[in-house]
Amino acid sequence: MAAGRGDNVKLYSYWNSSCSFRVRIALNLKGIKYEYKAVDLLKGEQFYPEFLKLNPVGFVPVLVDGDVVIADSFAIIMYLEDTYSQNPFLPHDVHKRAINFQIASIVSSTIQPFQNLRLLKHVEEKVSPEETHCWTKSAIEKDLQALEQLLTDHAGRYATGDEVFLADLFLAPQLNTAFTLLKIDSKKFPTLAILHETYKEIQAFEEALPKNQPDAEH
């Protein structure tokens, strides 16, 4: 039985947001049913007054669980981990747990900013969209190389062994963006490429894919 509320969960999400993607994976893995509340970032709905009441920063995702409101994907995932005991995201081994946090931090703190719409819009005002794309792609490739090097000593079937943990929740959306959207050559990153294919075999990950969301553009 889940320790949390779980009877009135809402996720404010945008289909192509990798931050929202990772939270959708987390909810699916925990088996938590939720109401999907689409926020169109391209239309600026994240800056509507009613949304800013939920998250003054104006970012998705936002999770509402009963009377609990939490923004930021990392915070949401840790809330789910602490509130719902099923299918834990963190291993018991202290070292492996630290590696999971390290990988999650690299994705969320080092790579994610290069994909932020607000930042990219600002850069495009200074240079062309083509130059912006090349700059983003180059920066992300360098960080993927760091992840590839780190995972060489830790990866099993999944990022840090043979169980799905926190690192996988952060890696799956990032690899989908890198290899599918940005068209980065996956052959440069053999370990990451294998993980990317492995994640496609997990229903909780597949259901969370951008293309499978109700607000997805087809």
N, C-alpha and C. Protein backbone atom coordinates (compact mmCIF):
# COMPACT_ATOMS: atom_id res chain seq x y z
N MET A 1 0.85 -1.19 0.00
CA MET A 1 0.00 0.00 0.00
C MET A 1 0.88 1.24 0.00
N ALA A 2 0.65 2.18 -0.88
CA ALA A 2 1.46 3.39 -0.96
C ALA A 2 1.32 4.21 0.30
N ALA A 3 2.43 4.81 0.71
CA ALA A 3 2.42 5.61 1.93
C ALA A 3 1.83 6.99 1.70
N GLY A 4 1.80 7.42 0.45
CA GLY A 4 1.32 8.77 0.15
C GLY A 4 -0.16 8.81 -0.10
N ARG A 5 -0.61 9.94 -0.63
CA ARG A 5 -2.04 10.14 -0.87
C ARG A 5 -2.47 9.34 -2.09
N GLY A 6 -2.03 9.78 -3.27
CA GLY A 6 -2.22 8.97 -4.47
C GLY A 6 -3.60 8.94 -5.07
N ASP A 7 -4.59 9.61 -4.45
CA ASP A 7 -5.94 9.53 -4.98
C ASP A 7 -6.35 10.77 -5.77
N ASN A 8 -5.49 11.78 -5.79
CA ASN A 8 -5.81 13.01 -6.52
C ASN A 8 -4.52 13.64 -7.03
N VAL A 9 -3.82 12.91 -7.89
CA VAL A 9 -2.51 13.35 -8.38
C VAL A 9 -2.67 14.00 -9.76
N LYS A 10 -2.08 15.16 -9.90
CA LYS A 10 -2.08 15.87 -11.18
C LYS A 10 -0.64 16.18 -11.57
N LEU A 11 -0.32 16.06 -12.85
CA LEU A 11 1.00 16.44 -13.34
C LEU A 11 0.83 17.50 -14.42
N TYR A 12 1.36 18.67 -14.16
CA TYR A 12 1.40 19.73 -15.16
C TYR A 12 2.65 19.50 -15.99
N SER A 13 2.44 19.24 -17.27
CA SER A 13 3.51 18.71 -18.11
C SER A 13 3.43 19.31 -19.51
N TYR A 14 4.57 19.26 -20.19
CA TYR A 14 4.62 19.58 -21.63
C TYR A 14 5.21 18.37 -22.32
N TRP A 15 4.60 17.95 -23.40
CA TRP A 15 4.96 16.68 -24.02
C TRP A 15 6.43 16.54 -24.35
N ASN A 16 7.07 17.64 -24.80
CA ASN A 16 8.45 17.55 -25.26
C ASN A 16 9.46 18.06 -24.25
N SER A 17 9.04 18.20 -23.01
CA SER A 17 9.93 18.60 -21.93
C SER A 17 10.61 17.37 -21.34
N SER A 18 11.94 17.34 -21.37
CA SER A 18 12.64 16.18 -20.81
C SER A 18 12.49 16.12 -19.29
N CYS A 19 12.33 17.28 -18.66
CA CYS A 19 12.10 17.30 -17.20
C CYS A 19 10.76 16.65 -16.87
N SER A 20 9.75 16.96 -17.67
CA SER A 20 8.44 16.33 -17.47
C SER A 20 8.51 14.84 -17.80
N PHE A 21 9.27 14.52 -18.82
CA PHE A 21 9.46 13.13 -19.25
C PHE A 21 9.96 12.28 -18.09
N ARG A 22 10.98 12.76 -17.37
CA ARG A 22 11.54 11.95 -16.29
C ARG A 22 10.56 11.76 -15.14
N VAL A 23 9.71 12.76 -14.90
CA VAL A 23 8.70 12.62 -13.85
C VAL A 23 7.61 11.64 -14.29
N ARG A 24 7.26 11.67 -15.57
CA ARG A 24 6.27 10.70 -16.07
C ARG A 24 6.79 9.27 -15.89
N ILE A 25 8.08 9.07 -16.15
CA ILE A 25 8.68 7.75 -15.93
C ILE A 25 8.55 7.37 -14.46
N ALA A 26 8.89 8.30 -13.59
CA ALA A 26 8.84 8.03 -12.15
C ALA A 26 7.44 7.63 -11.69
N LEU A 27 6.45 8.37 -12.14
CA LEU A 27 5.06 8.06 -11.78
C LEU A 27 4.65 6.69 -12.31
N ASN A 28 5.06 6.39 -13.54
CA ASN A 28 4.74 5.08 -14.12
C ASN A 28 5.39 3.94 -13.35
N LEU A 29 6.66 4.12 -13.00
CA LEU A 29 7.37 3.07 -12.27
C LEU A 29 6.77 2.84 -10.89
N LYS A 30 6.30 3.90 -10.27
CA LYS A 30 5.65 3.78 -8.96
C LYS A 30 4.21 3.28 -9.07
N GLY A 31 3.71 3.21 -10.30
CA GLY A 31 2.35 2.76 -10.49
C GLY A 31 1.30 3.74 -10.01
N ILE A 32 1.62 5.03 -10.08
CA ILE A 32 0.72 6.07 -9.60
C ILE A 32 -0.09 6.63 -10.76
N LYS A 33 -1.38 6.52 -10.69
CA LYS A 33 -2.25 7.09 -11.72
C LYS A 33 -2.35 8.59 -11.50
N TYR A 34 -2.34 9.33 -12.58
CA TYR A 34 -2.37 10.79 -12.45
C TYR A 34 -3.14 11.43 -13.59
N GLU A 35 -3.61 12.62 -13.33
CA GLU A 35 -4.29 13.40 -14.35
C GLU A 35 -3.26 14.26 -15.07
N TYR A 36 -3.23 14.17 -16.38
CA TYR A 36 -2.26 14.93 -17.17
C TYR A 36 -2.82 16.32 -17.47
N LYS A 37 -2.10 17.35 -17.05
CA LYS A 37 -2.50 18.73 -17.28
C LYS A 37 -1.48 19.37 -18.22
N ALA A 38 -1.86 19.53 -19.48
CA ALA A 38 -0.93 20.05 -20.49
C ALA A 38 -0.68 21.54 -20.31
N VAL A 39 0.60 21.92 -20.40
CA VAL A 39 1.02 23.32 -20.37
C VAL A 39 1.83 23.57 -21.64
N ASP A 40 1.30 24.38 -22.53
CA ASP A 40 1.95 24.62 -23.82
C ASP A 40 3.04 25.69 -23.65
N LEU A 41 4.28 25.25 -23.66
CA LEU A 41 5.40 26.17 -23.45
C LEU A 41 5.57 27.13 -24.62
N LEU A 42 5.27 26.66 -25.81
CA LEU A 42 5.45 27.51 -26.99
C LEU A 42 4.42 28.65 -27.02
N LYS A 43 3.28 28.43 -26.40
CA LYS A 43 2.26 29.48 -26.30
C LYS A 43 2.45 30.35 -25.06
N GLY A 44 3.42 29.98 -24.23
CA GLY A 44 3.69 30.76 -23.03
C GLY A 44 2.74 30.51 -21.88
N GLU A 45 2.07 29.36 -21.88
CA GLU A 45 1.10 29.06 -20.82
C GLU A 45 1.75 28.90 -19.46
N GLN A 46 3.08 28.65 -19.44
CA GLN A 46 3.80 28.53 -18.18
C GLN A 46 3.90 29.86 -17.44
N PHE A 47 3.57 30.95 -18.16
CA PHE A 47 3.63 32.27 -17.54
C PHE A 47 2.23 32.83 -17.24
N TYR A 48 1.22 32.01 -17.45
CA TYR A 48 -0.13 32.44 -17.09
C TYR A 48 -0.23 32.55 -15.57
N PRO A 49 -0.99 33.52 -15.07
CA PRO A 49 -1.09 33.72 -13.61
C PRO A 49 -1.49 32.47 -12.85
N GLU A 50 -2.41 31.68 -13.39
CA GLU A 50 -2.86 30.49 -12.67
C GLU A 50 -1.76 29.44 -12.54
N PHE A 51 -0.86 29.37 -13.56
CA PHE A 51 0.25 28.43 -13.45
C PHE A 51 1.34 28.97 -12.53
N LEU A 52 1.59 30.27 -12.59
CA LEU A 52 2.63 30.87 -11.73
C LEU A 52 2.28 30.75 -10.25
N LYS A 53 1.00 30.56 -9.94
CA LYS A 53 0.62 30.31 -8.55
C LYS A 53 1.15 28.96 -8.09
N LEU A 54 1.25 28.02 -9.04
CA LEU A 54 1.78 26.69 -8.72
C LEU A 54 3.30 26.69 -8.71
N ASN A 55 3.90 27.39 -9.68
CA ASN A 55 5.35 27.47 -9.76
C ASN A 55 5.76 28.87 -10.21
N PRO A 56 6.14 29.73 -9.29
CA PRO A 56 6.51 31.10 -9.63
C PRO A 56 7.66 31.22 -10.62
N VAL A 57 8.46 30.15 -10.75
CA VAL A 57 9.58 30.18 -11.69
C VAL A 57 9.07 30.07 -13.13
N GLY A 58 7.90 29.48 -13.30
CA GLY A 58 7.34 29.35 -14.64
C GLY A 58 7.90 28.20 -15.45
N PHE A 59 8.23 27.10 -14.78
CA PHE A 59 8.75 25.91 -15.44
C PHE A 59 7.82 24.73 -15.20
N VAL A 60 7.80 23.79 -16.14
CA VAL A 60 7.21 22.48 -15.89
C VAL A 60 8.35 21.52 -15.59
N PRO A 61 8.04 20.43 -14.87
CA PRO A 61 6.74 19.98 -14.42
C PRO A 61 6.38 20.52 -13.04
N VAL A 62 5.09 20.38 -12.73
CA VAL A 62 4.59 20.62 -11.39
C VAL A 62 3.71 19.43 -11.01
N LEU A 63 3.93 18.91 -9.82
CA LEU A 63 3.13 17.80 -9.32
C LEU A 63 2.20 18.31 -8.22
N VAL A 64 0.94 17.93 -8.31
CA VAL A 64 -0.02 18.21 -7.25
C VAL A 64 -0.51 16.87 -6.73
N ASP A 65 -0.27 16.61 -5.47
CA ASP A 65 -0.67 15.36 -4.82
C ASP A 65 -1.54 15.72 -3.61
N GLY A 66 -2.86 15.74 -3.83
CA GLY A 66 -3.74 16.22 -2.77
C GLY A 66 -3.52 17.70 -2.55
N ASP A 67 -3.10 18.06 -1.34
CA ASP A 67 -2.83 19.47 -1.04
C ASP A 67 -1.34 19.81 -1.14
N VAL A 68 -0.54 18.86 -1.62
CA VAL A 68 0.90 19.07 -1.78
C VAL A 68 1.19 19.52 -3.20
N VAL A 69 1.93 20.62 -3.34
CA VAL A 69 2.32 21.14 -4.65
C VAL A 69 3.84 21.22 -4.71
N ILE A 70 4.45 20.56 -5.69
CA ILE A 70 5.90 20.55 -5.81
C ILE A 70 6.30 20.80 -7.25
N ALA A 71 7.23 21.72 -7.45
CA ALA A 71 7.81 21.99 -8.76
C ALA A 71 9.26 21.51 -8.76
N ASP A 72 9.83 21.39 -9.96
CA ASP A 72 11.20 20.92 -10.20
C ASP A 72 11.22 19.40 -10.22
N SER A 73 11.70 18.85 -11.32
CA SER A 73 11.64 17.40 -11.52
C SER A 73 12.42 16.62 -10.46
N PHE A 74 13.59 17.12 -10.09
CA PHE A 74 14.40 16.42 -9.09
C PHE A 74 13.64 16.37 -7.76
N ALA A 75 13.08 17.50 -7.35
CA ALA A 75 12.33 17.57 -6.10
C ALA A 75 11.10 16.66 -6.15
N ILE A 76 10.43 16.65 -7.29
CA ILE A 76 9.24 15.81 -7.44
C ILE A 76 9.60 14.33 -7.31
N ILE A 77 10.67 13.92 -8.00
CA ILE A 77 11.07 12.52 -7.96
C ILE A 77 11.47 12.10 -6.55
N MET A 78 12.18 12.97 -5.83
CA MET A 78 12.55 12.62 -4.46
C MET A 78 11.34 12.59 -3.54
N TYR A 79 10.37 13.45 -3.81
CA TYR A 79 9.12 13.41 -3.04
C TYR A 79 8.42 12.07 -3.27
N LEU A 80 8.34 11.65 -4.52
CA LEU A 80 7.71 10.37 -4.83
C LEU A 80 8.46 9.22 -4.16
N GLU A 81 9.78 9.31 -4.16
CA GLU A 81 10.60 8.27 -3.52
C GLU A 81 10.32 8.19 -2.02
N ASP A 82 10.19 9.35 -1.39
CA ASP A 82 9.98 9.38 0.07
C ASP A 82 8.55 9.07 0.46
N THR A 83 7.61 9.29 -0.45
CA THR A 83 6.19 9.16 -0.12
C THR A 83 5.61 7.81 -0.52
N TYR A 84 6.10 7.26 -1.61
CA TYR A 84 5.57 6.00 -2.14
C TYR A 84 6.68 4.95 -2.10
N SER A 85 6.48 3.93 -1.30
CA SER A 85 7.57 2.98 -1.01
C SER A 85 7.83 1.97 -2.12
N GLN A 86 6.86 1.75 -3.01
CA GLN A 86 7.02 0.71 -4.02
C GLN A 86 8.07 1.10 -5.07
N ASN A 87 8.76 0.10 -5.57
CA ASN A 87 9.75 0.28 -6.64
C ASN A 87 10.71 1.45 -6.35
N PRO A 88 11.57 1.30 -5.35
CA PRO A 88 12.48 2.39 -4.96
C PRO A 88 13.43 2.81 -6.08
N PHE A 89 13.73 4.11 -6.11
CA PHE A 89 14.62 4.68 -7.12
C PHE A 89 16.08 4.70 -6.67
N LEU A 90 16.34 4.44 -5.41
CA LEU A 90 17.70 4.54 -4.89
C LEU A 90 18.16 3.20 -4.32
N PRO A 91 19.37 2.78 -4.66
CA PRO A 91 19.90 1.52 -4.13
C PRO A 91 20.32 1.67 -2.67
N HIS A 92 20.45 0.55 -1.99
CA HIS A 92 20.89 0.59 -0.59
C HIS A 92 22.39 0.88 -0.49
N ASP A 93 23.15 0.39 -1.45
CA ASP A 93 24.60 0.59 -1.44
C ASP A 93 24.93 2.09 -1.52
N VAL A 94 25.70 2.56 -0.56
CA VAL A 94 25.98 3.99 -0.44
C VAL A 94 26.73 4.53 -1.66
N HIS A 95 27.72 3.78 -2.13
CA HIS A 95 28.50 4.22 -3.29
C HIS A 95 27.63 4.29 -4.54
N LYS A 96 26.86 3.23 -4.76
CA LYS A 96 25.98 3.19 -5.94
C LYS A 96 24.94 4.30 -5.86
N ARG A 97 24.46 4.59 -4.65
CA ARG A 97 23.50 5.68 -4.47
C ARG A 97 24.14 7.01 -4.87
N ALA A 98 25.38 7.22 -4.45
CA ALA A 98 26.08 8.46 -4.79
C ALA A 98 26.28 8.60 -6.29
N ILE A 99 26.58 7.51 -6.97
CA ILE A 99 26.75 7.54 -8.43
C ILE A 99 25.43 7.92 -9.10
N ASN A 100 24.33 7.40 -8.58
CA ASN A 100 23.02 7.76 -9.12
C ASN A 100 22.76 9.26 -8.98
N PHE A 101 23.09 9.80 -7.82
CA PHE A 101 22.93 11.24 -7.63
C PHE A 101 23.86 12.03 -8.57
N GLN A 102 25.06 11.52 -8.75
CA GLN A 102 26.03 12.20 -9.62
C GLN A 102 25.53 12.25 -11.06
N ILE A 103 25.03 11.14 -11.56
CA ILE A 103 24.52 11.11 -12.93
C ILE A 103 23.31 12.01 -13.08
N ALA A 104 22.40 11.95 -12.12
CA ALA A 104 21.21 12.80 -12.16
C ALA A 104 21.60 14.27 -12.14
N SER A 105 22.61 14.60 -11.36
CA SER A 105 23.07 15.99 -11.26
C SER A 105 23.71 16.46 -12.56
N ILE A 106 24.50 15.61 -13.20
CA ILE A 106 25.13 15.98 -14.47
C ILE A 106 24.05 16.30 -15.50
N VAL A 107 23.03 15.47 -15.56
CA VAL A 107 21.96 15.69 -16.53
C VAL A 107 21.18 16.96 -16.21
N SER A 108 20.77 17.11 -14.96
CA SER A 108 19.89 18.22 -14.61
C SER A 108 20.61 19.56 -14.47
N SER A 109 21.86 19.53 -14.02
CA SER A 109 22.56 20.79 -13.76
C SER A 109 23.53 21.20 -14.86
N THR A 110 24.11 20.21 -15.55
CA THR A 110 25.12 20.51 -16.55
C THR A 110 24.56 20.50 -17.97
N ILE A 111 23.75 19.48 -18.29
CA ILE A 111 23.23 19.36 -19.65
C ILE A 111 21.93 20.13 -19.85
N GLN A 112 21.03 19.99 -18.90
CA GLN A 112 19.68 20.56 -19.05
C GLN A 112 19.66 22.05 -19.41
N PRO A 113 20.52 22.88 -18.82
CA PRO A 113 20.48 24.31 -19.16
C PRO A 113 20.66 24.60 -20.64
N PHE A 114 21.39 23.75 -21.35
CA PHE A 114 21.59 23.97 -22.79
C PHE A 114 20.33 23.71 -23.60
N GLN A 115 19.31 23.12 -22.96
CA GLN A 115 18.06 22.81 -23.64
C GLN A 115 16.92 23.72 -23.18
N ASN A 116 17.22 24.61 -22.29
CA ASN A 116 16.19 25.49 -21.74
C ASN A 116 15.68 26.45 -22.80
N LEU A 117 14.35 26.50 -23.00
CA LEU A 117 13.78 27.32 -24.06
C LEU A 117 14.10 28.80 -23.87
N ARG A 118 14.11 29.24 -22.63
CA ARG A 118 14.39 30.65 -22.36
C ARG A 118 15.81 31.01 -22.77
N LEU A 119 16.76 30.11 -22.46
CA LEU A 119 18.15 30.34 -22.83
C LEU A 119 18.33 30.29 -24.34
N LEU A 120 17.74 29.28 -24.97
CA LEU A 120 17.89 29.13 -26.41
C LEU A 120 17.29 30.30 -27.17
N LYS A 121 16.18 30.81 -26.68
CA LYS A 121 15.56 31.97 -27.32
C LYS A 121 16.48 33.18 -27.23
N HIS A 122 17.13 33.34 -26.08
CA HIS A 122 18.06 34.45 -25.90
C HIS A 122 19.26 34.31 -26.83
N VAL A 123 19.79 33.09 -26.95
CA VAL A 123 20.95 32.86 -27.81
C VAL A 123 20.58 33.12 -29.27
N GLU A 124 19.37 32.69 -29.66
CA GLU A 124 18.94 32.88 -31.05
C GLU A 124 18.78 34.35 -31.41
N GLU A 125 18.58 35.19 -30.41
CA GLU A 125 18.50 36.62 -30.66
C GLU A 125 19.87 37.21 -30.98
N LYS A 126 20.92 36.49 -30.60
CA LYS A 126 22.29 36.95 -30.83
C LYS A 126 22.91 36.34 -32.08
N VAL A 127 22.56 35.06 -32.33
CA VAL A 127 23.09 34.36 -33.49
C VAL A 127 21.95 33.66 -34.22
N SER A 128 22.24 32.98 -35.31
CA SER A 128 21.20 32.31 -36.10
C SER A 128 20.74 31.03 -35.39
N PRO A 129 19.54 30.54 -35.75
CA PRO A 129 19.07 29.27 -35.21
C PRO A 129 20.02 28.12 -35.51
N GLU A 130 20.66 28.16 -36.68
CA GLU A 130 21.61 27.11 -37.05
C GLU A 130 22.82 27.11 -36.12
N GLU A 131 23.33 28.31 -35.83
CA GLU A 131 24.48 28.42 -34.92
C GLU A 131 24.09 28.00 -33.51
N THR A 132 22.88 28.33 -33.11
CA THR A 132 22.39 27.94 -31.80
C THR A 132 22.32 26.42 -31.69
N HIS A 133 21.80 25.79 -32.74
CA HIS A 133 21.70 24.33 -32.74
C HIS A 133 23.08 23.69 -32.66
N CYS A 134 24.02 24.19 -33.42
CA CYS A 134 25.38 23.64 -33.41
C CYS A 134 26.04 23.81 -32.05
N TRP A 135 25.82 24.98 -31.45
CA TRP A 135 26.39 25.25 -30.12
C TRP A 135 25.80 24.31 -29.09
N THR A 136 24.48 24.14 -29.12
CA THR A 136 23.81 23.25 -28.18
C THR A 136 24.30 21.81 -28.35
N LYS A 137 24.33 21.36 -29.58
CA LYS A 137 24.75 20.00 -29.88
C LYS A 137 26.17 19.72 -29.43
N SER A 138 27.08 20.66 -29.69
CA SER A 138 28.48 20.50 -29.30
C SER A 138 28.65 20.44 -27.79
N ALA A 139 27.94 21.32 -27.08
CA ALA A 139 28.04 21.36 -25.62
C ALA A 139 27.51 20.07 -25.01
N ILE A 140 26.39 19.58 -25.52
CA ILE A 140 25.79 18.36 -24.97
C ILE A 140 26.64 17.15 -25.28
N GLU A 141 27.27 17.12 -26.45
CA GLU A 141 28.15 16.00 -26.80
C GLU A 141 29.30 15.87 -25.80
N LYS A 142 29.86 16.99 -25.38
CA LYS A 142 30.96 16.96 -24.41
C LYS A 142 30.51 16.36 -23.09
N ASP A 143 29.30 16.70 -22.68
CA ASP A 143 28.80 16.19 -21.41
C ASP A 143 28.39 14.72 -21.53
N LEU A 144 27.91 14.33 -22.69
CA LEU A 144 27.61 12.92 -22.91
C LEU A 144 28.88 12.08 -22.84
N GLN A 145 29.99 12.64 -23.32
CA GLN A 145 31.25 11.93 -23.24
C GLN A 145 31.66 11.71 -21.79
N ALA A 146 31.39 12.69 -20.94
CA ALA A 146 31.69 12.55 -19.52
C ALA A 146 30.82 11.45 -18.90
N LEU A 147 29.55 11.41 -19.28
CA LEU A 147 28.67 10.35 -18.79
C LEU A 147 29.12 8.98 -19.29
N GLU A 148 29.52 8.91 -20.55
CA GLU A 148 30.00 7.65 -21.11
C GLU A 148 31.19 7.13 -20.31
N GLN A 149 32.10 8.02 -19.99
CA GLN A 149 33.29 7.64 -19.22
C GLN A 149 32.91 7.17 -17.82
N LEU A 150 32.00 7.88 -17.19
CA LEU A 150 31.57 7.53 -15.83
C LEU A 150 30.86 6.18 -15.80
N LEU A 151 30.01 5.94 -16.78
CA LEU A 151 29.19 4.73 -16.78
C LEU A 151 29.97 3.47 -17.14
N THR A 152 31.11 3.64 -17.75
CA THR A 152 31.92 2.48 -18.14
C THR A 152 32.19 1.56 -16.97
N ASP A 153 32.40 2.12 -15.79
CA ASP A 153 32.72 1.34 -14.60
C ASP A 153 31.50 0.93 -13.79
N HIS A 154 30.31 1.39 -14.17
CA HIS A 154 29.14 1.16 -13.31
C HIS A 154 27.96 0.51 -14.01
N ALA A 155 27.87 0.63 -15.32
CA ALA A 155 26.70 0.15 -16.02
C ALA A 155 26.62 -1.37 -16.05
N GLY A 156 25.38 -1.86 -15.92
CA GLY A 156 25.07 -3.27 -16.14
C GLY A 156 24.02 -3.28 -17.23
N ARG A 157 22.92 -3.93 -16.96
CA ARG A 157 21.81 -3.84 -17.91
C ARG A 157 21.28 -2.41 -17.95
N TYR A 158 21.35 -1.74 -16.79
CA TYR A 158 20.92 -0.35 -16.70
C TYR A 158 22.11 0.50 -16.25
N ALA A 159 21.88 1.75 -15.93
CA ALA A 159 22.98 2.69 -15.72
C ALA A 159 23.95 2.30 -14.61
N THR A 160 23.40 1.79 -13.49
CA THR A 160 24.28 1.47 -12.36
C THR A 160 24.10 0.04 -11.88
N GLY A 161 23.81 -0.84 -12.82
CA GLY A 161 23.64 -2.25 -12.47
C GLY A 161 22.48 -2.87 -13.21
N ASP A 162 21.86 -3.85 -12.59
CA ASP A 162 20.80 -4.60 -13.26
C ASP A 162 19.40 -4.24 -12.78
N GLU A 163 19.30 -3.12 -12.07
CA GLU A 163 18.00 -2.60 -11.65
C GLU A 163 17.86 -1.15 -12.11
N VAL A 164 16.63 -0.75 -12.37
CA VAL A 164 16.35 0.63 -12.75
C VAL A 164 16.39 1.51 -11.50
N PHE A 165 17.22 2.55 -11.58
CA PHE A 165 17.32 3.48 -10.46
C PHE A 165 17.23 4.92 -10.95
N LEU A 166 17.50 5.84 -10.06
CA LEU A 166 17.38 7.27 -10.32
C LEU A 166 18.12 7.71 -11.58
N ALA A 167 19.33 7.22 -11.76
CA ALA A 167 20.14 7.61 -12.92
C ALA A 167 19.41 7.33 -14.23
N ASP A 168 18.70 6.22 -14.28
CA ASP A 168 17.99 5.84 -15.51
C ASP A 168 16.84 6.80 -15.81
N LEU A 169 16.19 7.27 -14.76
CA LEU A 169 15.08 8.22 -14.95
C LEU A 169 15.57 9.51 -15.60
N PHE A 170 16.81 9.90 -15.29
CA PHE A 170 17.36 11.12 -15.86
C PHE A 170 18.02 10.87 -17.21
N LEU A 171 18.62 9.70 -17.36
CA LEU A 171 19.32 9.41 -18.61
C LEU A 171 18.37 9.17 -19.78
N ALA A 172 17.29 8.44 -19.56
CA ALA A 172 16.41 8.07 -20.66
C ALA A 172 15.88 9.26 -21.45
N PRO A 173 15.32 10.28 -20.80
CA PRO A 173 14.87 11.44 -21.56
C PRO A 173 16.00 12.19 -22.25
N GLN A 174 17.16 12.26 -21.56
CA GLN A 174 18.29 12.98 -22.14
C GLN A 174 18.81 12.29 -23.38
N LEU A 175 18.89 10.97 -23.34
CA LEU A 175 19.38 10.22 -24.50
C LEU A 175 18.37 10.28 -25.64
N ASN A 176 17.10 10.29 -25.30
CA ASN A 176 16.08 10.42 -26.33
C ASN A 176 16.22 11.77 -27.04
N THR A 177 16.45 12.83 -26.27
CA THR A 177 16.65 14.15 -26.86
C THR A 177 17.91 14.19 -27.71
N ALA A 178 18.99 13.64 -27.17
CA ALA A 178 20.28 13.70 -27.85
C ALA A 178 20.28 12.92 -29.17
N PHE A 179 19.80 11.69 -29.12
CA PHE A 179 19.91 10.82 -30.29
C PHE A 179 18.74 10.96 -31.27
N THR A 180 17.58 11.37 -30.76
CA THR A 180 16.40 11.47 -31.62
C THR A 180 16.16 12.88 -32.12
N LEU A 181 16.20 13.85 -31.21
CA LEU A 181 15.89 15.23 -31.58
C LEU A 181 17.11 15.97 -32.13
N LEU A 182 18.24 15.87 -31.44
CA LEU A 182 19.44 16.59 -31.86
C LEU A 182 20.27 15.82 -32.89
N LYS A 183 19.91 14.56 -33.09
CA LYS A 183 20.60 13.72 -34.09
C LYS A 183 22.09 13.56 -33.79
N ILE A 184 22.43 13.50 -32.53
CA ILE A 184 23.82 13.22 -32.14
C ILE A 184 24.13 11.75 -32.46
N ASP A 185 25.31 11.50 -32.98
CA ASP A 185 25.70 10.16 -33.40
C ASP A 185 25.89 9.26 -32.18
N SER A 186 25.00 8.32 -31.99
CA SER A 186 25.06 7.43 -30.83
C SER A 186 26.26 6.49 -30.87
N LYS A 187 26.85 6.30 -32.05
CA LYS A 187 28.00 5.40 -32.17
C LYS A 187 29.21 5.92 -31.39
N LYS A 188 29.20 7.22 -31.11
CA LYS A 188 30.29 7.81 -30.33
C LYS A 188 30.20 7.42 -28.85
N PHE A 189 29.04 6.91 -28.46
CA PHE A 189 28.79 6.64 -27.04
C PHE A 189 28.20 5.24 -26.89
N PRO A 190 29.02 4.21 -27.00
CA PRO A 190 28.51 2.83 -27.02
C PRO A 190 27.71 2.43 -25.79
N THR A 191 28.15 2.83 -24.62
CA THR A 191 27.42 2.47 -23.40
C THR A 191 26.08 3.17 -23.35
N LEU A 192 26.07 4.45 -23.65
CA LEU A 192 24.83 5.22 -23.66
C LEU A 192 23.88 4.71 -24.74
N ALA A 193 24.42 4.32 -25.87
CA ALA A 193 23.59 3.82 -26.96
C ALA A 193 22.88 2.53 -26.57
N ILE A 194 23.59 1.64 -25.87
CA ILE A 194 22.98 0.40 -25.40
C ILE A 194 21.86 0.69 -24.40
N LEU A 195 22.13 1.62 -23.48
CA LEU A 195 21.10 2.00 -22.51
C LEU A 195 19.87 2.58 -23.20
N HIS A 196 20.11 3.40 -24.20
CA HIS A 196 19.01 4.03 -24.94
C HIS A 196 18.10 2.95 -25.55
N GLU A 197 18.68 1.91 -26.09
CA GLU A 197 17.89 0.83 -26.69
C GLU A 197 17.20 0.00 -25.61
N THR A 198 17.89 -0.20 -24.49
CA THR A 198 17.32 -0.99 -23.39
C THR A 198 16.10 -0.31 -22.80
N TYR A 199 16.14 1.01 -22.68
CA TYR A 199 15.00 1.73 -22.11
C TYR A 199 13.74 1.56 -22.95
N LYS A 200 13.91 1.32 -24.24
CA LYS A 200 12.75 1.13 -25.12
C LYS A 200 11.98 -0.14 -24.79
N GLU A 201 12.60 -1.03 -24.04
CA GLU A 201 11.97 -2.30 -23.69
C GLU A 201 11.14 -2.20 -22.42
N ILE A 202 11.20 -1.06 -21.73
CA ILE A 202 10.49 -0.90 -20.47
C ILE A 202 9.19 -0.13 -20.70
N GLN A 203 8.08 -0.73 -20.35
CA GLN A 203 6.78 -0.12 -20.62
C GLN A 203 6.63 1.24 -19.96
N ALA A 204 7.11 1.37 -18.73
CA ALA A 204 6.98 2.63 -18.00
C ALA A 204 7.71 3.76 -18.71
N PHE A 205 8.81 3.44 -19.37
CA PHE A 205 9.57 4.42 -20.13
C PHE A 205 8.87 4.75 -21.44
N GLU A 206 8.41 3.71 -22.13
CA GLU A 206 7.77 3.90 -23.44
C GLU A 206 6.49 4.73 -23.31
N GLU A 207 5.70 4.47 -22.29
CA GLU A 207 4.46 5.21 -22.09
C GLU A 207 4.72 6.68 -21.78
N ALA A 208 5.91 6.97 -21.25
CA ALA A 208 6.27 8.34 -20.89
C ALA A 208 6.88 9.13 -22.04
N LEU A 209 7.14 8.47 -23.17
CA LEU A 209 7.76 9.14 -24.31
C LEU A 209 6.94 10.36 -24.75
N PRO A 210 7.61 11.41 -25.21
CA PRO A 210 6.90 12.60 -25.68
C PRO A 210 5.80 12.30 -26.69
N LYS A 211 6.09 11.44 -27.64
CA LYS A 211 5.13 11.16 -28.72
C LYS A 211 3.86 10.50 -28.21
N ASN A 212 3.90 9.93 -27.00
CA ASN A 212 2.74 9.23 -26.46
C ASN A 212 1.90 10.08 -25.50
N GLN A 213 2.19 11.38 -25.43
CA GLN A 213 1.46 12.26 -24.53
C GLN A 213 0.26 12.89 -25.24
N PRO A 214 -0.80 13.20 -24.50
CA PRO A 214 -2.01 13.72 -25.12
C PRO A 214 -1.84 15.05 -25.85
N ASP A 215 -0.83 15.83 -25.46
CA ASP A 215 -0.61 17.12 -26.12
C ASP A 215 0.49 17.06 -27.17
N ALA A 216 0.93 15.85 -27.53
CA ALA A 216 2.03 15.71 -28.48
C ALA A 216 1.64 16.22 -29.86
N GLU A 217 2.61 16.80 -30.55
CA GLU A 217 2.41 17.25 -31.92
C GLU A 217 2.76 16.10 -32.86
N HIS A 218 1.89 15.82 -33.78
CA HIS A 218 2.12 14.72 -34.74
C HIS A 218 2.11 15.26 -36.16
